[in-house]
Protein backbone atom coordinates (compact mmCIF):
# COMPACT_ATOMS: atom_id res chain seq x y z
CA MET A 1 -5.87 -24.90 -56.89
CA THR A 2 -4.69 -28.25 -58.27
CA ALA A 3 -2.30 -26.60 -60.72
CA LEU A 4 -0.34 -25.20 -57.79
CA ILE A 5 0.48 -28.68 -56.49
CA VAL A 6 2.25 -29.96 -59.59
CA PRO A 7 4.64 -27.00 -59.89
CA SER A 8 5.49 -27.17 -56.18
CA ARG A 9 6.57 -30.79 -56.57
CA ARG A 10 8.54 -29.95 -59.72
CA ASN A 11 10.13 -26.91 -58.07
CA PHE A 12 11.06 -28.94 -55.01
CA LEU A 13 12.91 -31.60 -56.93
CA SER A 14 14.59 -29.29 -59.42
CA THR A 15 15.67 -27.03 -56.55
CA THR A 16 16.95 -30.02 -54.60
CA GLY A 17 19.73 -30.54 -57.10
CA LYS A 18 20.68 -26.87 -56.98
CA ALA A 19 20.35 -26.64 -53.20
CA GLY A 20 22.65 -29.60 -52.77
CA LEU A 21 20.74 -32.53 -51.35
CA SER A 22 23.77 -34.41 -50.16
CA ALA A 23 24.83 -37.58 -51.86
CA ALA A 24 24.76 -39.21 -48.45
CA ALA A 25 21.09 -38.35 -47.96
CA VAL A 26 20.13 -39.68 -51.37
CA ALA A 27 22.16 -42.84 -50.71
CA LEU A 28 20.30 -43.38 -47.44
CA LEU A 29 17.02 -42.81 -49.25
CA ALA A 30 18.02 -45.46 -51.76
CA GLY A 31 18.79 -47.93 -48.98
CA ARG A 32 22.53 -47.74 -49.61
CA PRO A 33 24.08 -46.92 -46.19
CA GLY A 34 27.56 -47.93 -47.37
CA LEU A 35 27.39 -45.39 -50.16
CA ALA A 36 26.13 -42.82 -47.65
CA ASP A 37 29.14 -43.43 -45.40
CA ALA A 38 31.50 -42.99 -48.35
CA ALA A 39 29.74 -39.82 -49.52
CA GLY A 40 29.86 -38.07 -46.15
CA GLY A 41 28.99 -34.39 -46.25
CA ASP A 42 26.77 -32.06 -44.27
CA MET A 43 23.24 -33.41 -44.09
CA GLY A 44 21.85 -30.62 -41.89
CA LYS A 45 19.67 -29.06 -44.61
CA ASP A 46 18.83 -32.44 -46.10
CA VAL A 47 16.29 -33.32 -43.41
CA ASP A 48 14.28 -30.24 -44.34
CA ILE A 49 14.48 -31.05 -48.04
CA LEU A 50 13.51 -34.68 -47.46
CA ASN A 51 10.61 -33.56 -45.27
CA VAL A 52 9.28 -31.52 -48.20
CA ALA A 53 9.43 -34.68 -50.33
CA LEU A 54 7.73 -36.60 -47.53
CA GLY A 55 4.96 -34.02 -47.39
CA LEU A 56 4.43 -34.45 -51.12
CA GLU A 57 4.27 -38.24 -50.76
CA HIS A 58 1.67 -37.79 -48.01
CA GLU A 59 -0.28 -35.67 -50.48
CA ALA A 60 -0.07 -38.34 -53.22
CA ILE A 61 -1.18 -41.08 -50.82
CA ASN A 62 -4.14 -39.01 -49.72
CA ALA A 63 -5.05 -38.03 -53.29
CA TYR A 64 -5.38 -41.73 -54.10
CA GLN A 65 -7.31 -42.26 -50.87
CA LEU A 66 -9.74 -39.55 -51.85
CA GLY A 67 -10.18 -41.15 -55.25
CA ALA A 68 -10.62 -44.64 -53.79
CA GLY A 69 -13.12 -43.43 -51.20
CA SER A 70 -15.11 -41.30 -53.63
CA GLY A 71 -17.15 -44.18 -55.00
CA LEU A 72 -16.38 -42.82 -58.48
CA LEU A 73 -13.81 -45.44 -59.47
CA GLN A 74 -14.96 -48.67 -61.09
CA LYS A 75 -13.41 -51.94 -59.90
CA PRO A 76 -10.47 -52.42 -62.32
CA VAL A 77 -9.51 -48.74 -62.04
CA LEU A 78 -9.91 -48.78 -58.28
CA ASP A 79 -7.46 -51.70 -58.04
CA VAL A 80 -4.87 -49.76 -60.05
CA ALA A 81 -5.35 -46.65 -57.90
CA VAL A 82 -4.76 -48.71 -54.75
CA LEU A 83 -1.63 -50.23 -56.33
CA PHE A 84 -0.26 -46.79 -57.19
CA GLN A 85 -1.07 -45.61 -53.67
CA SER A 86 1.01 -48.52 -52.35
CA HIS A 87 3.97 -47.32 -54.45
CA HIS A 88 3.70 -43.88 -52.87
CA LYS A 89 3.50 -45.49 -49.43
CA SER A 90 6.80 -47.25 -50.20
CA HIS A 91 8.33 -43.89 -51.18
CA ARG A 92 6.95 -42.41 -47.93
CA ASP A 93 8.40 -45.23 -45.83
CA ALA A 94 11.81 -44.84 -47.44
CA LEU A 95 11.76 -41.10 -46.75
CA ILE A 96 10.73 -41.59 -43.13
CA ALA A 97 13.50 -44.15 -42.58
CA THR A 98 16.06 -41.84 -44.18
CA ILE A 99 14.99 -38.81 -42.14
CA GLU A 100 15.14 -40.83 -38.93
CA LYS A 101 18.58 -42.27 -39.81
CA MET A 102 19.74 -38.69 -40.24
CA GLY A 103 18.47 -37.82 -36.75
CA GLY A 104 15.55 -35.78 -38.02
CA LYS A 105 11.87 -35.82 -37.23
CA PRO A 106 9.60 -36.74 -40.16
CA VAL A 107 6.86 -34.26 -41.02
CA THR A 108 3.44 -35.51 -39.99
CA GLU A 109 0.63 -36.25 -42.36
CA LYS A 110 -2.26 -33.78 -42.46
CA SER A 111 -5.87 -34.85 -42.13
CA LEU A 112 -7.68 -36.28 -45.13
CA ASP A 113 -9.99 -33.24 -44.99
CA ASP A 114 -7.00 -30.91 -45.37
CA TYR A 115 -5.87 -32.78 -48.48
CA ALA A 116 -9.43 -32.80 -49.82
CA LYS A 117 -9.53 -29.00 -49.58
CA ALA A 118 -6.05 -28.53 -51.10
CA LEU A 119 -6.85 -30.86 -54.01
CA ASN A 120 -10.36 -29.43 -54.48
CA ALA A 121 -11.84 -32.91 -54.09
CA ALA A 122 -15.35 -31.44 -54.08
CA SER A 123 -14.90 -30.79 -57.81
CA LEU A 124 -14.38 -34.50 -58.54
CA LYS A 125 -17.67 -35.67 -60.07
CA SER A 126 -16.61 -38.63 -62.22
CA GLN A 127 -14.00 -41.33 -62.63
CA ALA A 128 -12.43 -39.20 -65.36
CA ASP A 129 -12.08 -36.27 -62.92
CA VAL A 130 -10.27 -38.46 -60.40
CA LEU A 131 -7.98 -39.95 -63.04
CA SER A 132 -7.22 -36.51 -64.50
CA LEU A 133 -6.14 -35.21 -61.11
CA ALA A 134 -3.95 -38.25 -60.50
CA ALA A 135 -2.42 -38.06 -63.98
CA LYS A 136 -1.57 -34.38 -63.48
CA LEU A 137 0.16 -35.12 -60.17
CA GLU A 138 2.04 -38.11 -61.63
CA LEU A 139 3.25 -36.17 -64.67
CA GLY A 140 4.58 -33.42 -62.44
CA ALA A 141 6.40 -35.96 -60.29
CA SER A 142 7.87 -37.76 -63.31
CA ASN A 143 9.23 -34.54 -64.76
CA ALA A 144 10.61 -33.49 -61.39
CA TYR A 145 12.55 -36.70 -60.82
CA LEU A 146 13.90 -36.63 -64.38
CA GLY A 147 14.94 -33.01 -63.88
CA VAL A 148 17.08 -33.80 -60.87
CA ILE A 149 19.06 -36.68 -62.47
CA PRO A 150 21.76 -34.50 -64.11
CA SER A 151 22.73 -33.02 -60.73
CA PHE A 152 24.14 -36.34 -59.52
CA LYS A 153 27.76 -37.17 -60.20
CA ASP A 154 27.40 -40.70 -58.85
CA PRO A 155 25.58 -43.01 -61.27
CA ALA A 156 24.01 -44.94 -58.37
CA LEU A 157 22.30 -41.78 -57.13
CA ALA A 158 21.11 -40.89 -60.62
CA GLN A 159 19.71 -44.42 -60.86
CA VAL A 160 17.58 -43.87 -57.74
CA ALA A 161 16.04 -40.75 -59.27
CA GLY A 162 15.57 -42.61 -62.55
CA ARG A 163 13.75 -45.46 -60.83
CA LEU A 164 11.43 -43.00 -59.09
CA ALA A 165 10.79 -41.24 -62.41
CA ALA A 166 10.02 -44.60 -64.00
CA ASP A 167 7.40 -45.32 -61.31
CA GLU A 168 5.77 -41.95 -61.85
CA THR A 169 5.88 -42.26 -65.65
CA MET A 170 4.32 -45.72 -65.47
CA HIS A 171 1.55 -44.28 -63.29
CA TRP A 172 0.96 -41.41 -65.72
CA THR A 173 0.89 -43.75 -68.72
CA ALA A 174 -1.64 -46.12 -67.15
CA LEU A 175 -3.86 -43.23 -66.02
CA SER A 176 -3.70 -41.56 -69.42
CA SER A 177 -4.60 -44.84 -71.09
CA ALA A 178 -7.57 -45.30 -68.76
CA LEU A 179 -8.71 -41.81 -69.75
CA GLY A 180 -8.44 -42.74 -73.43
CA ARG A 181 -5.79 -40.09 -74.01
CA MET A 182 -3.22 -40.50 -76.72
CA LEU A 183 0.38 -41.07 -75.77
CA PRO A 184 2.73 -38.18 -76.56
CA ALA A 185 3.28 -37.86 -80.32
CA LYS A 186 6.82 -36.56 -79.93
CA ALA A 187 9.82 -38.40 -78.57
CA LEU A 188 11.58 -37.06 -75.47
CA SER A 189 8.36 -35.61 -74.08
CA PHE A 190 9.13 -36.27 -70.41
CA GLY A 191 11.50 -34.29 -68.25
CA ALA A 192 11.37 -31.19 -70.41
């Protein structure tokens, strides 16, 4: 079940570039309303696309909540999980603000129980299980954001996607380190 979540996030972001998430929508998401005004364009479909991203951020927030509430995480690791959750909450807040500025209605968060079922939280029996799930989700997000960068003609918009990818890559690296996993042996291992 978990494996289905990572590809859906990757597919969403790689499809976003092809589907034409407007430069104006991305500029609003980045907190750059002046750039959004200059970009113009039809943002009708963008609210739907951004709501998919918002749904995925809700999922990430709840995945960290499940991990934090499981009692499986030891204190230093728990603190890091809560920090990463706060990063996803910032992403969520930016998406909500952007959707509302575009006149849309943000998708609502599901119940924690719904996320627990979708993420198969019942299978989490150890700190390593929780960290493995989080690392898998973060790697998928990192690759997705990196995959969308080439679709932007404006360097400022590509920078937004790059910053998001950097957050996700940092999360993955810290989680992998906590699991005692080796860093990738090959260069250029992200975004492929």
